């Protein structure tokens, strides 16, 4: 049995604030006042400070001397940099699955995620769709068996969720693009086609980057 300790209070606060940032309820550049969060959640100021440090590590918050914590800005340079890095990390994970799956049962989690994505699209449920699109990465972690890769992806995950949510919120048709990509990705992974994995994921990340930038321009 694998033991998983419950999230600490600071992690719970960080998750609450992260969700508000991802959904755009806390705007880029907006200051997060410790006292307001403390009062709203009825928690200690120390726990809020720890939560903000977690969010800084996850690139959702910038903590500046004498200015406090602010929601990080979204600009073209940051989005392109993030998409470029995540593209390479996705490729590493895709290659790991392709190289190490052996039985059909190994691929079952990905097929289940594909089904959930289709259901979320049918409901128009953006939050569930974004969550399950990142569940793909977590399903790939055991194949990579690389704690450093996993930690890096997890720390970047909230920033990517924020970008994806913006694009999907602006235009739900983008869900169809992702579903098509995922179907193609499963094909090349099953075929152990490493060149195909790079081609599919590189094109996807480029397309995602342009969609996010277009959504930012419209917003």
N, C-alpha and C. Protein backbone atom coordinates (compact mmCIF):
# COMPACT_ATOMS: atom_id res chain seq x y z
N UNK A 1 0.84 -1.19 0.00
CA UNK A 1 0.00 0.00 0.00
C UNK A 1 0.88 1.25 0.00
N UNK A 2 0.53 2.24 -0.83
CA UNK A 2 1.28 3.49 -0.87
C UNK A 2 0.64 4.49 0.09
N UNK A 3 1.44 5.05 0.97
CA UNK A 3 0.93 6.03 1.93
C UNK A 3 1.02 7.43 1.35
N UNK A 4 -0.08 8.16 1.42
CA UNK A 4 -0.07 9.55 0.96
C UNK A 4 -0.60 10.42 2.09
N UNK A 5 0.26 11.27 2.61
CA UNK A 5 -0.15 12.16 3.68
C UNK A 5 -1.11 13.21 3.13
N UNK A 6 -2.07 13.63 3.95
CA UNK A 6 -2.98 14.68 3.48
C UNK A 6 -2.22 15.97 3.23
N UNK A 7 -2.73 16.79 2.32
CA UNK A 7 -2.09 18.07 2.04
C UNK A 7 -2.04 18.92 3.30
N UNK A 8 -0.93 19.62 3.48
CA UNK A 8 -0.80 20.53 4.61
C UNK A 8 -1.77 21.70 4.43
N UNK A 9 -1.98 22.46 5.49
CA UNK A 9 -2.85 23.63 5.41
C UNK A 9 -2.31 24.62 4.39
N UNK A 10 -1.00 24.80 4.36
CA UNK A 10 -0.41 25.72 3.39
C UNK A 10 -0.67 25.27 1.96
N UNK A 11 -0.57 23.96 1.72
CA UNK A 11 -0.86 23.42 0.39
C UNK A 11 -2.33 23.66 0.02
N UNK A 12 -3.22 23.50 0.98
CA UNK A 12 -4.64 23.71 0.72
C UNK A 12 -4.91 25.18 0.38
N UNK A 13 -4.27 26.08 1.10
CA UNK A 13 -4.43 27.51 0.81
C UNK A 13 -3.86 27.82 -0.57
N UNK A 14 -2.69 27.25 -0.86
CA UNK A 14 -2.06 27.47 -2.17
C UNK A 14 -2.97 26.97 -3.28
N UNK A 15 -3.60 25.82 -3.08
CA UNK A 15 -4.51 25.28 -4.09
C UNK A 15 -5.70 26.20 -4.29
N UNK A 16 -6.24 26.71 -3.21
CA UNK A 16 -7.39 27.63 -3.29
C UNK A 16 -7.02 28.88 -4.08
N UNK A 17 -5.89 29.48 -3.77
CA UNK A 17 -5.46 30.69 -4.47
C UNK A 17 -5.09 30.38 -5.92
N UNK A 18 -4.47 29.23 -6.15
CA UNK A 18 -4.09 28.85 -7.51
C UNK A 18 -5.32 28.72 -8.40
N UNK A 19 -6.38 28.12 -7.87
CA UNK A 19 -7.60 27.96 -8.66
C UNK A 19 -8.18 29.32 -9.02
N UNK A 20 -8.11 30.27 -8.12
CA UNK A 20 -8.63 31.61 -8.41
C UNK A 20 -7.78 32.32 -9.47
N UNK A 21 -6.48 32.10 -9.42
CA UNK A 21 -5.59 32.70 -10.42
C UNK A 21 -5.83 32.05 -11.79
N UNK A 22 -5.92 30.72 -11.81
CA UNK A 22 -6.12 29.99 -13.06
C UNK A 22 -7.42 30.41 -13.73
N UNK A 23 -8.47 30.61 -12.95
CA UNK A 23 -9.77 30.99 -13.52
C UNK A 23 -9.86 32.47 -13.84
N UNK A 24 -8.83 33.22 -13.48
CA UNK A 24 -8.83 34.65 -13.77
C UNK A 24 -9.55 35.50 -12.75
N UNK A 25 -9.93 34.91 -11.63
CA UNK A 25 -10.60 35.68 -10.58
C UNK A 25 -9.62 36.62 -9.88
N UNK A 26 -8.37 36.25 -9.87
CA UNK A 26 -7.30 37.14 -9.43
C UNK A 26 -6.51 37.51 -10.68
N UNK A 27 -6.51 38.78 -11.02
CA UNK A 27 -5.98 39.22 -12.31
C UNK A 27 -4.45 39.35 -12.28
N UNK A 28 -3.81 39.26 -13.45
CA UNK A 28 -2.36 39.49 -13.52
C UNK A 28 -1.98 40.85 -12.91
N UNK A 29 -0.96 40.82 -12.07
CA UNK A 29 -0.51 42.03 -11.41
C UNK A 29 -1.25 42.37 -10.14
N UNK A 30 -2.36 41.69 -9.86
CA UNK A 30 -3.14 42.00 -8.66
C UNK A 30 -2.39 41.57 -7.40
N UNK A 31 -2.44 42.43 -6.40
CA UNK A 31 -1.76 42.11 -5.14
C UNK A 31 -2.61 41.15 -4.32
N UNK A 32 -1.95 40.17 -3.72
CA UNK A 32 -2.62 39.24 -2.81
C UNK A 32 -2.26 39.66 -1.39
N UNK A 33 -3.21 40.19 -0.69
CA UNK A 33 -2.96 40.71 0.66
C UNK A 33 -3.11 39.59 1.69
N UNK A 34 -2.04 39.36 2.43
CA UNK A 34 -2.02 38.28 3.41
C UNK A 34 -3.17 38.40 4.41
N UNK A 35 -3.40 39.61 4.89
CA UNK A 35 -4.43 39.80 5.92
C UNK A 35 -5.82 39.43 5.42
N UNK A 36 -6.12 39.80 4.18
CA UNK A 36 -7.43 39.48 3.62
C UNK A 36 -7.62 37.98 3.47
N UNK A 37 -6.56 37.30 3.01
CA UNK A 37 -6.65 35.84 2.86
C UNK A 37 -6.79 35.19 4.23
N UNK A 38 -6.04 35.69 5.21
CA UNK A 38 -6.11 35.17 6.57
C UNK A 38 -7.53 35.27 7.12
N UNK A 39 -8.15 36.42 6.93
CA UNK A 39 -9.50 36.64 7.44
C UNK A 39 -10.54 35.83 6.66
N UNK A 40 -10.38 35.77 5.34
CA UNK A 40 -11.36 35.08 4.50
C UNK A 40 -11.38 33.57 4.78
N UNK A 41 -10.20 33.00 5.04
CA UNK A 41 -10.11 31.56 5.23
C UNK A 41 -9.99 31.15 6.69
N UNK A 42 -9.89 32.14 7.58
CA UNK A 42 -9.77 31.88 9.01
C UNK A 42 -8.56 30.97 9.30
N UNK A 43 -7.42 31.41 8.78
CA UNK A 43 -6.17 30.66 8.96
C UNK A 43 -5.10 31.61 9.48
N UNK A 44 -3.96 31.05 9.86
CA UNK A 44 -2.88 31.88 10.39
C UNK A 44 -2.14 32.59 9.27
N UNK A 45 -1.53 33.71 9.62
CA UNK A 45 -0.76 34.46 8.63
C UNK A 45 0.46 33.67 8.17
N UNK A 46 1.03 32.88 9.07
CA UNK A 46 2.18 32.07 8.71
C UNK A 46 1.84 31.05 7.63
N UNK A 47 0.65 30.44 7.73
CA UNK A 47 0.22 29.47 6.72
C UNK A 47 0.02 30.14 5.37
N UNK A 48 -0.49 31.37 5.39
CA UNK A 48 -0.69 32.10 4.14
C UNK A 48 0.66 32.43 3.51
N UNK A 49 1.63 32.83 4.32
CA UNK A 49 2.96 33.14 3.80
C UNK A 49 3.58 31.90 3.15
N UNK A 50 3.45 30.76 3.81
CA UNK A 50 3.98 29.53 3.24
C UNK A 50 3.27 29.20 1.92
N UNK A 51 1.97 29.43 1.87
CA UNK A 51 1.20 29.17 0.64
C UNK A 51 1.69 30.06 -0.50
N UNK A 52 1.99 31.31 -0.20
CA UNK A 52 2.47 32.22 -1.23
C UNK A 52 3.85 31.81 -1.75
N UNK A 53 4.68 31.27 -0.87
CA UNK A 53 5.98 30.76 -1.31
C UNK A 53 5.82 29.56 -2.24
N UNK A 54 4.84 28.71 -1.95
CA UNK A 54 4.53 27.58 -2.83
C UNK A 54 4.10 28.10 -4.20
N UNK A 55 3.24 29.11 -4.21
CA UNK A 55 2.75 29.67 -5.47
C UNK A 55 3.86 30.37 -6.24
N UNK A 56 4.82 30.94 -5.53
CA UNK A 56 5.96 31.55 -6.22
C UNK A 56 6.77 30.48 -6.92
N UNK A 57 6.96 29.35 -6.27
CA UNK A 57 7.70 28.24 -6.88
C UNK A 57 6.96 27.69 -8.10
N UNK A 58 5.64 27.85 -8.10
CA UNK A 58 4.83 27.34 -9.21
C UNK A 58 4.53 28.43 -10.25
N UNK A 59 5.19 29.56 -10.12
CA UNK A 59 5.17 30.61 -11.14
C UNK A 59 3.80 31.29 -11.29
N UNK A 60 3.01 31.27 -10.24
CA UNK A 60 1.73 31.99 -10.26
C UNK A 60 1.79 33.30 -9.50
N UNK A 61 2.79 33.43 -8.64
CA UNK A 61 2.92 34.60 -7.78
C UNK A 61 4.36 35.07 -7.80
N UNK A 62 4.54 36.38 -7.78
CA UNK A 62 5.87 36.98 -7.60
C UNK A 62 5.86 37.73 -6.28
N UNK A 63 6.85 37.47 -5.44
CA UNK A 63 6.95 38.14 -4.14
C UNK A 63 8.09 39.15 -4.23
N UNK A 64 7.75 40.41 -4.10
CA UNK A 64 8.72 41.49 -4.27
C UNK A 64 9.01 42.17 -2.94
N UNK A 65 10.27 42.55 -2.69
CA UNK A 65 10.61 43.24 -1.43
C UNK A 65 9.79 44.51 -1.25
N UNK A 66 9.20 44.63 -0.08
CA UNK A 66 8.41 45.80 0.32
C UNK A 66 7.15 46.02 -0.52
N UNK A 67 6.88 45.12 -1.46
CA UNK A 67 5.66 45.24 -2.27
C UNK A 67 4.72 44.06 -2.10
N UNK A 68 5.20 43.01 -1.46
CA UNK A 68 4.35 41.86 -1.20
C UNK A 68 4.18 40.95 -2.41
N UNK A 69 3.15 40.14 -2.35
CA UNK A 69 2.89 39.13 -3.38
C UNK A 69 1.91 39.65 -4.42
N UNK A 70 2.25 39.45 -5.67
CA UNK A 70 1.39 39.84 -6.78
C UNK A 70 1.23 38.65 -7.74
N UNK A 71 0.07 38.58 -8.37
CA UNK A 71 -0.15 37.56 -9.39
C UNK A 71 0.80 37.85 -10.56
N UNK A 72 1.48 36.82 -11.05
CA UNK A 72 2.43 37.02 -12.14
C UNK A 72 1.72 37.50 -13.41
N UNK A 73 2.44 38.29 -14.18
CA UNK A 73 1.89 38.83 -15.42
C UNK A 73 1.92 37.77 -16.52
N UNK A 74 1.01 37.89 -17.46
CA UNK A 74 1.02 37.06 -18.66
C UNK A 74 1.45 37.93 -19.83
N UNK A 75 2.55 37.57 -20.47
CA UNK A 75 2.96 38.31 -21.66
C UNK A 75 3.49 37.31 -22.69
N UNK A 76 3.73 37.79 -23.89
CA UNK A 76 4.09 36.89 -24.98
C UNK A 76 5.39 36.14 -24.69
N UNK A 77 6.38 36.83 -24.14
CA UNK A 77 7.66 36.17 -23.88
C UNK A 77 7.49 35.02 -22.89
N UNK A 78 6.75 35.27 -21.81
CA UNK A 78 6.55 34.24 -20.79
C UNK A 78 5.78 33.05 -21.36
N UNK A 79 4.74 33.33 -22.14
CA UNK A 79 3.94 32.24 -22.71
C UNK A 79 4.77 31.40 -23.67
N UNK A 80 5.51 32.04 -24.55
CA UNK A 80 6.33 31.29 -25.51
C UNK A 80 7.42 30.48 -24.78
N UNK A 81 8.02 31.06 -23.78
CA UNK A 81 9.06 30.35 -23.02
C UNK A 81 8.48 29.13 -22.33
N UNK A 82 7.31 29.30 -21.72
CA UNK A 82 6.67 28.21 -21.01
C UNK A 82 6.28 27.09 -21.97
N UNK A 83 5.67 27.44 -23.10
CA UNK A 83 5.24 26.42 -24.07
C UNK A 83 6.43 25.67 -24.65
N UNK A 84 7.53 26.37 -24.90
CA UNK A 84 8.72 25.71 -25.44
C UNK A 84 9.27 24.67 -24.47
N UNK A 85 9.37 25.05 -23.20
CA UNK A 85 9.89 24.12 -22.19
C UNK A 85 8.94 22.96 -21.98
N UNK A 86 7.65 23.25 -21.84
CA UNK A 86 6.69 22.18 -21.59
C UNK A 86 6.64 21.21 -22.77
N UNK A 87 6.83 21.73 -23.98
CA UNK A 87 6.84 20.84 -25.14
C UNK A 87 7.92 19.77 -25.01
N UNK A 88 9.11 20.17 -24.58
CA UNK A 88 10.20 19.20 -24.42
C UNK A 88 9.90 18.21 -23.29
N UNK A 89 9.27 18.70 -22.24
CA UNK A 89 8.93 17.80 -21.12
C UNK A 89 7.85 16.80 -21.54
N UNK A 90 6.86 17.28 -22.31
CA UNK A 90 5.84 16.38 -22.82
C UNK A 90 6.47 15.28 -23.69
N UNK A 91 7.43 15.68 -24.52
CA UNK A 91 8.08 14.71 -25.41
C UNK A 91 8.83 13.65 -24.61
N UNK A 92 9.50 14.07 -23.55
CA UNK A 92 10.18 13.10 -22.68
C UNK A 92 9.19 12.10 -22.10
N UNK A 93 8.05 12.58 -21.66
CA UNK A 93 7.04 11.69 -21.08
C UNK A 93 6.44 10.78 -22.15
N UNK A 94 6.14 11.34 -23.31
CA UNK A 94 5.59 10.53 -24.39
C UNK A 94 6.54 9.43 -24.82
N UNK A 95 7.83 9.78 -24.93
CA UNK A 95 8.83 8.78 -25.30
C UNK A 95 8.92 7.67 -24.25
N UNK A 96 8.82 8.06 -22.99
CA UNK A 96 8.92 7.07 -21.91
C UNK A 96 7.78 6.05 -22.00
N UNK A 97 6.56 6.54 -22.26
CA UNK A 97 5.43 5.62 -22.39
C UNK A 97 5.64 4.70 -23.59
N UNK A 98 6.04 5.28 -24.72
CA UNK A 98 6.23 4.49 -25.94
C UNK A 98 7.29 3.40 -25.75
N UNK A 99 8.33 3.71 -25.02
CA UNK A 99 9.45 2.78 -24.86
C UNK A 99 9.18 1.70 -23.83
N UNK A 100 8.26 1.97 -22.88
CA UNK A 100 8.13 1.05 -21.75
C UNK A 100 6.78 0.37 -21.60
N UNK A 101 5.78 0.74 -22.40
CA UNK A 101 4.52 0.00 -22.25
C UNK A 101 4.70 -1.39 -22.84
N UNK A 102 4.08 -2.37 -22.19
CA UNK A 102 4.22 -3.75 -22.62
C UNK A 102 2.87 -4.42 -22.88
N UNK A 103 1.91 -4.18 -22.03
CA UNK A 103 0.61 -4.84 -22.12
C UNK A 103 -0.47 -3.80 -22.43
N UNK A 104 -1.57 -4.28 -22.98
CA UNK A 104 -2.68 -3.37 -23.26
C UNK A 104 -3.17 -2.69 -21.99
N UNK A 105 -3.05 -3.38 -20.87
CA UNK A 105 -3.48 -2.81 -19.59
C UNK A 105 -2.66 -1.57 -19.24
N UNK A 106 -1.43 -1.48 -19.73
CA UNK A 106 -0.58 -0.32 -19.48
C UNK A 106 -1.17 0.94 -20.10
N UNK A 107 -1.90 0.77 -21.20
CA UNK A 107 -2.46 1.91 -21.92
C UNK A 107 -3.87 2.26 -21.45
N UNK A 108 -4.46 1.42 -20.61
CA UNK A 108 -5.85 1.64 -20.19
C UNK A 108 -6.06 3.00 -19.53
N UNK A 109 -5.14 3.47 -18.65
CA UNK A 109 -5.37 4.80 -18.04
C UNK A 109 -5.51 5.91 -19.08
N UNK A 110 -4.77 5.82 -20.16
CA UNK A 110 -4.83 6.87 -21.19
C UNK A 110 -6.15 6.80 -21.96
N UNK A 111 -6.64 5.60 -22.19
CA UNK A 111 -7.93 5.45 -22.86
C UNK A 111 -9.07 5.94 -21.98
N UNK A 112 -8.94 5.73 -20.68
CA UNK A 112 -9.96 6.23 -19.74
C UNK A 112 -9.95 7.76 -19.70
N UNK A 113 -8.77 8.34 -19.73
CA UNK A 113 -8.66 9.80 -19.76
C UNK A 113 -9.27 10.33 -21.05
N UNK A 114 -9.00 9.67 -22.15
CA UNK A 114 -9.57 10.09 -23.43
C UNK A 114 -11.10 10.12 -23.36
N UNK A 115 -11.67 9.11 -22.73
CA UNK A 115 -13.13 9.05 -22.59
C UNK A 115 -13.64 10.20 -21.72
N UNK A 116 -12.93 10.49 -20.64
CA UNK A 116 -13.35 11.60 -19.76
C UNK A 116 -13.24 12.94 -20.47
N UNK A 117 -12.21 13.10 -21.30
CA UNK A 117 -12.06 14.34 -22.06
C UNK A 117 -13.23 14.52 -23.02
N UNK A 118 -13.63 13.45 -23.68
CA UNK A 118 -14.77 13.52 -24.59
C UNK A 118 -16.04 13.90 -23.85
N UNK A 119 -16.21 13.34 -22.65
CA UNK A 119 -17.40 13.65 -21.85
C UNK A 119 -17.38 15.10 -21.38
N UNK A 120 -16.21 15.59 -20.97
CA UNK A 120 -16.09 16.99 -20.54
C UNK A 120 -16.38 17.93 -21.69
N UNK A 121 -15.90 17.58 -22.88
CA UNK A 121 -16.18 18.40 -24.06
C UNK A 121 -17.67 18.44 -24.35
N UNK A 122 -18.33 17.28 -24.26
CA UNK A 122 -19.77 17.22 -24.53
C UNK A 122 -20.56 18.09 -23.54
N UNK A 123 -20.06 18.18 -22.30
CA UNK A 123 -20.73 19.00 -21.27
C UNK A 123 -20.33 20.46 -21.36
N UNK A 124 -19.26 20.75 -22.08
CA UNK A 124 -18.71 22.11 -22.08
C UNK A 124 -18.06 22.45 -20.76
N UNK A 125 -17.53 21.44 -20.07
CA UNK A 125 -16.93 21.61 -18.74
C UNK A 125 -15.44 21.92 -18.89
N UNK A 126 -15.11 23.20 -18.90
CA UNK A 126 -13.73 23.62 -19.14
C UNK A 126 -12.80 23.15 -18.02
N UNK A 127 -13.22 23.31 -16.78
CA UNK A 127 -12.35 22.96 -15.66
C UNK A 127 -12.01 21.47 -15.67
N UNK A 128 -13.01 20.62 -15.91
CA UNK A 128 -12.77 19.18 -15.96
C UNK A 128 -11.88 18.83 -17.14
N UNK A 129 -12.06 19.51 -18.26
CA UNK A 129 -11.26 19.24 -19.45
C UNK A 129 -9.80 19.58 -19.20
N UNK A 130 -9.54 20.74 -18.62
CA UNK A 130 -8.17 21.14 -18.33
C UNK A 130 -7.54 20.16 -17.34
N UNK A 131 -8.30 19.78 -16.30
CA UNK A 131 -7.77 18.87 -15.28
C UNK A 131 -7.39 17.53 -15.90
N UNK A 132 -8.26 16.99 -16.77
CA UNK A 132 -7.98 15.69 -17.35
C UNK A 132 -6.90 15.75 -18.42
N UNK A 133 -6.74 16.91 -19.07
CA UNK A 133 -5.65 17.03 -20.04
C UNK A 133 -4.30 16.92 -19.34
N UNK A 134 -4.24 17.38 -18.09
CA UNK A 134 -2.99 17.25 -17.33
C UNK A 134 -2.88 15.89 -16.64
N UNK A 135 -4.01 15.21 -16.49
CA UNK A 135 -3.96 13.85 -15.94
C UNK A 135 -3.17 12.93 -16.86
N UNK A 136 -3.11 13.28 -18.14
CA UNK A 136 -2.32 12.49 -19.10
C UNK A 136 -0.86 12.45 -18.66
N UNK A 137 -0.33 13.58 -18.25
CA UNK A 137 1.07 13.63 -17.82
C UNK A 137 1.29 12.75 -16.60
N UNK A 138 0.37 12.83 -15.65
CA UNK A 138 0.55 12.06 -14.42
C UNK A 138 0.45 10.58 -14.68
N UNK A 139 -0.35 10.19 -15.67
CA UNK A 139 -0.42 8.77 -16.03
C UNK A 139 0.89 8.30 -16.65
N UNK A 140 1.65 9.25 -17.20
CA UNK A 140 2.93 8.89 -17.83
C UNK A 140 4.09 8.83 -16.84
N UNK A 141 3.95 9.41 -15.65
CA UNK A 141 5.06 9.46 -14.70
C UNK A 141 5.67 8.08 -14.40
N UNK A 142 4.85 7.04 -14.14
CA UNK A 142 5.46 5.74 -13.79
C UNK A 142 6.34 5.18 -14.90
N UNK A 143 6.02 5.48 -16.15
CA UNK A 143 6.82 4.98 -17.27
C UNK A 143 8.18 5.69 -17.32
N UNK A 144 8.19 6.99 -16.98
CA UNK A 144 9.46 7.74 -16.98
C UNK A 144 10.30 7.40 -15.76
N UNK A 145 9.64 7.20 -14.61
CA UNK A 145 10.35 6.86 -13.38
C UNK A 145 11.48 7.84 -13.11
N UNK A 146 11.17 9.13 -13.23
CA UNK A 146 12.18 10.18 -13.08
C UNK A 146 11.64 11.25 -12.14
N UNK A 147 12.04 11.23 -10.86
CA UNK A 147 11.47 12.17 -9.90
C UNK A 147 11.76 13.63 -10.23
N UNK A 148 12.88 13.89 -10.89
CA UNK A 148 13.22 15.28 -11.23
C UNK A 148 12.31 15.79 -12.34
N UNK A 149 12.05 14.95 -13.32
CA UNK A 149 11.12 15.32 -14.38
C UNK A 149 9.73 15.54 -13.81
N UNK A 150 9.32 14.65 -12.92
CA UNK A 150 7.99 14.77 -12.32
C UNK A 150 7.86 16.06 -11.52
N UNK A 151 8.85 16.37 -10.71
CA UNK A 151 8.80 17.59 -9.90
C UNK A 151 8.75 18.84 -10.77
N UNK A 152 9.54 18.85 -11.85
CA UNK A 152 9.57 20.00 -12.75
C UNK A 152 8.21 20.21 -13.41
N UNK A 153 7.63 19.13 -13.90
CA UNK A 153 6.31 19.23 -14.55
C UNK A 153 5.26 19.69 -13.56
N UNK A 154 5.29 19.14 -12.35
CA UNK A 154 4.28 19.51 -11.35
C UNK A 154 4.38 20.99 -10.98
N UNK A 155 5.60 21.51 -10.88
CA UNK A 155 5.75 22.93 -10.54
C UNK A 155 5.31 23.84 -11.67
N UNK A 156 5.39 23.37 -12.91
CA UNK A 156 4.97 24.17 -14.06
C UNK A 156 3.50 23.97 -14.42
N UNK A 157 2.93 22.91 -13.89
CA UNK A 157 1.55 22.55 -14.21
C UNK A 157 0.55 23.69 -13.96
N UNK A 158 0.59 24.38 -12.81
CA UNK A 158 -0.39 25.46 -12.60
C UNK A 158 -0.27 26.58 -13.62
N UNK A 159 0.95 26.94 -13.99
CA UNK A 159 1.13 28.01 -14.97
C UNK A 159 0.56 27.60 -16.33
N UNK A 160 0.75 26.33 -16.72
CA UNK A 160 0.19 25.86 -17.98
C UNK A 160 -1.32 25.76 -17.88
N UNK A 161 -1.84 25.33 -16.75
CA UNK A 161 -3.29 25.28 -16.57
C UNK A 161 -3.91 26.66 -16.75
N UNK A 162 -3.24 27.64 -16.20
CA UNK A 162 -3.72 29.03 -16.32
C UNK A 162 -3.79 29.46 -17.79
N UNK A 163 -2.74 29.13 -18.54
CA UNK A 163 -2.71 29.51 -19.95
C UNK A 163 -3.77 28.75 -20.74
N UNK A 164 -3.89 27.44 -20.51
CA UNK A 164 -4.87 26.63 -21.23
C UNK A 164 -6.29 27.07 -20.90
N UNK A 165 -6.52 27.36 -19.63
CA UNK A 165 -7.87 27.77 -19.23
C UNK A 165 -8.27 29.05 -19.94
N UNK A 166 -7.35 29.97 -20.07
CA UNK A 166 -7.64 31.22 -20.76
C UNK A 166 -8.05 30.94 -22.21
N UNK A 167 -7.28 30.08 -22.90
CA UNK A 167 -7.58 29.79 -24.30
C UNK A 167 -8.92 29.07 -24.44
N UNK A 168 -9.19 28.10 -23.57
CA UNK A 168 -10.44 27.36 -23.66
C UNK A 168 -11.63 28.20 -23.25
N UNK A 169 -11.43 29.06 -22.28
CA UNK A 169 -12.52 29.92 -21.83
C UNK A 169 -12.93 30.88 -22.93
N UNK A 170 -11.97 31.32 -23.72
CA UNK A 170 -12.25 32.25 -24.80
C UNK A 170 -12.93 31.54 -25.98
N UNK A 171 -12.58 30.26 -26.18
CA UNK A 171 -13.08 29.58 -27.37
C UNK A 171 -13.13 28.08 -27.11
N UNK A 172 -14.31 27.56 -26.76
CA UNK A 172 -14.43 26.16 -26.39
C UNK A 172 -14.12 25.22 -27.55
N UNK A 173 -14.15 25.72 -28.79
CA UNK A 173 -13.81 24.89 -29.94
C UNK A 173 -12.39 24.35 -29.83
N UNK A 174 -11.55 25.00 -29.02
CA UNK A 174 -10.18 24.52 -28.86
C UNK A 174 -10.14 23.11 -28.26
N UNK A 175 -11.19 22.73 -27.56
CA UNK A 175 -11.25 21.38 -27.00
C UNK A 175 -11.17 20.34 -28.11
N UNK A 176 -11.80 20.62 -29.24
CA UNK A 176 -11.78 19.68 -30.36
C UNK A 176 -10.36 19.49 -30.87
N UNK A 177 -9.59 20.58 -30.92
CA UNK A 177 -8.19 20.49 -31.34
C UNK A 177 -7.42 19.53 -30.44
N UNK A 178 -7.65 19.66 -29.13
CA UNK A 178 -6.91 18.82 -28.19
C UNK A 178 -7.33 17.36 -28.33
N UNK A 179 -8.61 17.10 -28.49
CA UNK A 179 -9.08 15.73 -28.65
C UNK A 179 -8.47 15.07 -29.88
N UNK A 180 -8.37 15.82 -30.98
CA UNK A 180 -7.76 15.29 -32.20
C UNK A 180 -6.29 14.99 -31.97
N UNK A 181 -5.61 15.92 -31.29
CA UNK A 181 -4.20 15.71 -30.99
C UNK A 181 -3.99 14.47 -30.13
N UNK A 182 -4.83 14.32 -29.11
CA UNK A 182 -4.64 13.21 -28.18
C UNK A 182 -4.85 11.87 -28.88
N UNK A 183 -5.84 11.82 -29.78
CA UNK A 183 -6.07 10.60 -30.54
C UNK A 183 -4.84 10.26 -31.39
N UNK A 184 -4.28 11.27 -32.04
CA UNK A 184 -3.08 11.06 -32.86
C UNK A 184 -1.89 10.67 -31.99
N UNK A 185 -1.77 11.29 -30.83
CA UNK A 185 -0.66 10.98 -29.92
C UNK A 185 -0.73 9.53 -29.47
N UNK A 186 -1.92 9.05 -29.15
CA UNK A 186 -2.05 7.65 -28.74
C UNK A 186 -1.60 6.72 -29.86
N UNK A 187 -1.90 7.07 -31.09
CA UNK A 187 -1.50 6.24 -32.23
C UNK A 187 0.02 6.12 -32.31
N UNK A 188 0.73 7.23 -32.21
CA UNK A 188 2.20 7.17 -32.35
C UNK A 188 2.85 6.55 -31.13
N UNK A 189 2.24 6.72 -29.96
CA UNK A 189 2.79 6.08 -28.76
C UNK A 189 2.66 4.57 -28.87
N UNK A 190 1.49 4.10 -29.26
CA UNK A 190 1.28 2.65 -29.41
C UNK A 190 2.24 2.08 -30.45
N UNK A 191 2.51 2.86 -31.50
CA UNK A 191 3.43 2.41 -32.55
C UNK A 191 4.90 2.56 -32.16
N UNK A 192 5.16 3.13 -30.99
CA UNK A 192 6.52 3.40 -30.52
C UNK A 192 7.28 4.27 -31.52
N UNK A 193 6.58 5.21 -32.10
CA UNK A 193 7.14 6.10 -33.12
C UNK A 193 7.64 7.38 -32.45
N UNK A 194 8.92 7.38 -32.06
CA UNK A 194 9.47 8.51 -31.31
C UNK A 194 9.51 9.78 -32.15
N UNK A 195 9.82 9.64 -33.43
CA UNK A 195 9.82 10.82 -34.30
C UNK A 195 8.40 11.37 -34.43
N UNK A 196 7.42 10.47 -34.51
CA UNK A 196 6.03 10.91 -34.58
C UNK A 196 5.58 11.61 -33.32
N UNK A 197 6.05 11.12 -32.17
CA UNK A 197 5.70 11.76 -30.89
C UNK A 197 6.22 13.19 -30.86
N UNK A 198 7.48 13.37 -31.27
CA UNK A 198 8.04 14.72 -31.30
C UNK A 198 7.27 15.61 -32.27
N UNK A 199 6.94 15.09 -33.42
CA UNK A 199 6.22 15.89 -34.42
C UNK A 199 4.85 16.31 -33.89
N UNK A 200 4.11 15.37 -33.33
CA UNK A 200 2.75 15.67 -32.84
C UNK A 200 2.80 16.67 -31.69
N UNK A 201 3.69 16.44 -30.72
CA UNK A 201 3.72 17.29 -29.54
C UNK A 201 4.31 18.67 -29.83
N UNK A 202 5.30 18.73 -30.70
CA UNK A 202 5.87 20.03 -31.06
C UNK A 202 4.82 20.88 -31.77
N UNK A 203 4.08 20.26 -32.70
CA UNK A 203 3.03 21.00 -33.41
C UNK A 203 1.93 21.42 -32.45
N UNK A 204 1.60 20.53 -31.51
CA UNK A 204 0.54 20.85 -30.54
C UNK A 204 0.94 22.03 -29.67
N UNK A 205 2.18 22.02 -29.16
CA UNK A 205 2.61 23.10 -28.28
C UNK A 205 2.67 24.42 -29.03
N UNK A 206 3.10 24.38 -30.28
CA UNK A 206 3.12 25.60 -31.08
C UNK A 206 1.70 26.13 -31.28
N UNK A 207 0.78 25.21 -31.61
CA UNK A 207 -0.62 25.59 -31.80
C UNK A 207 -1.21 26.13 -30.50
N UNK A 208 -0.93 25.47 -29.39
CA UNK A 208 -1.46 25.92 -28.09
C UNK A 208 -0.95 27.31 -27.76
N UNK A 209 0.33 27.55 -28.02
CA UNK A 209 0.93 28.85 -27.75
C UNK A 209 0.22 29.94 -28.54
N UNK A 210 -0.04 29.70 -29.79
CA UNK A 210 -0.71 30.71 -30.62
C UNK A 210 -2.15 30.95 -30.15
N UNK A 211 -2.82 29.87 -29.72
CA UNK A 211 -4.19 30.03 -29.23
C UNK A 211 -4.23 30.87 -27.95
N UNK A 212 -3.27 30.60 -27.05
CA UNK A 212 -3.21 31.38 -25.81
C UNK A 212 -2.93 32.85 -26.10
N UNK A 213 -1.98 33.10 -26.99
CA UNK A 213 -1.65 34.50 -27.33
C UNK A 213 -2.83 35.19 -27.99
N UNK A 214 -3.56 34.47 -28.84
CA UNK A 214 -4.75 35.06 -29.47
C UNK A 214 -5.83 35.34 -28.43
N UNK A 215 -5.99 34.44 -27.46
CA UNK A 215 -6.97 34.66 -26.40
C UNK A 215 -6.58 35.87 -25.55
N UNK A 216 -5.27 36.02 -25.28
CA UNK A 216 -4.81 37.19 -24.52
C UNK A 216 -5.11 38.48 -25.28
N UNK A 217 -4.92 38.46 -26.60
CA UNK A 217 -5.17 39.65 -27.39
C UNK A 217 -6.65 40.02 -27.37
N UNK A 218 -7.52 38.98 -27.45
CA UNK A 218 -8.96 39.25 -27.40
C UNK A 218 -9.39 39.75 -26.04
N UNK A 219 -8.75 39.19 -24.99
CA UNK A 219 -9.13 39.60 -23.63
C UNK A 219 -8.72 41.03 -23.35
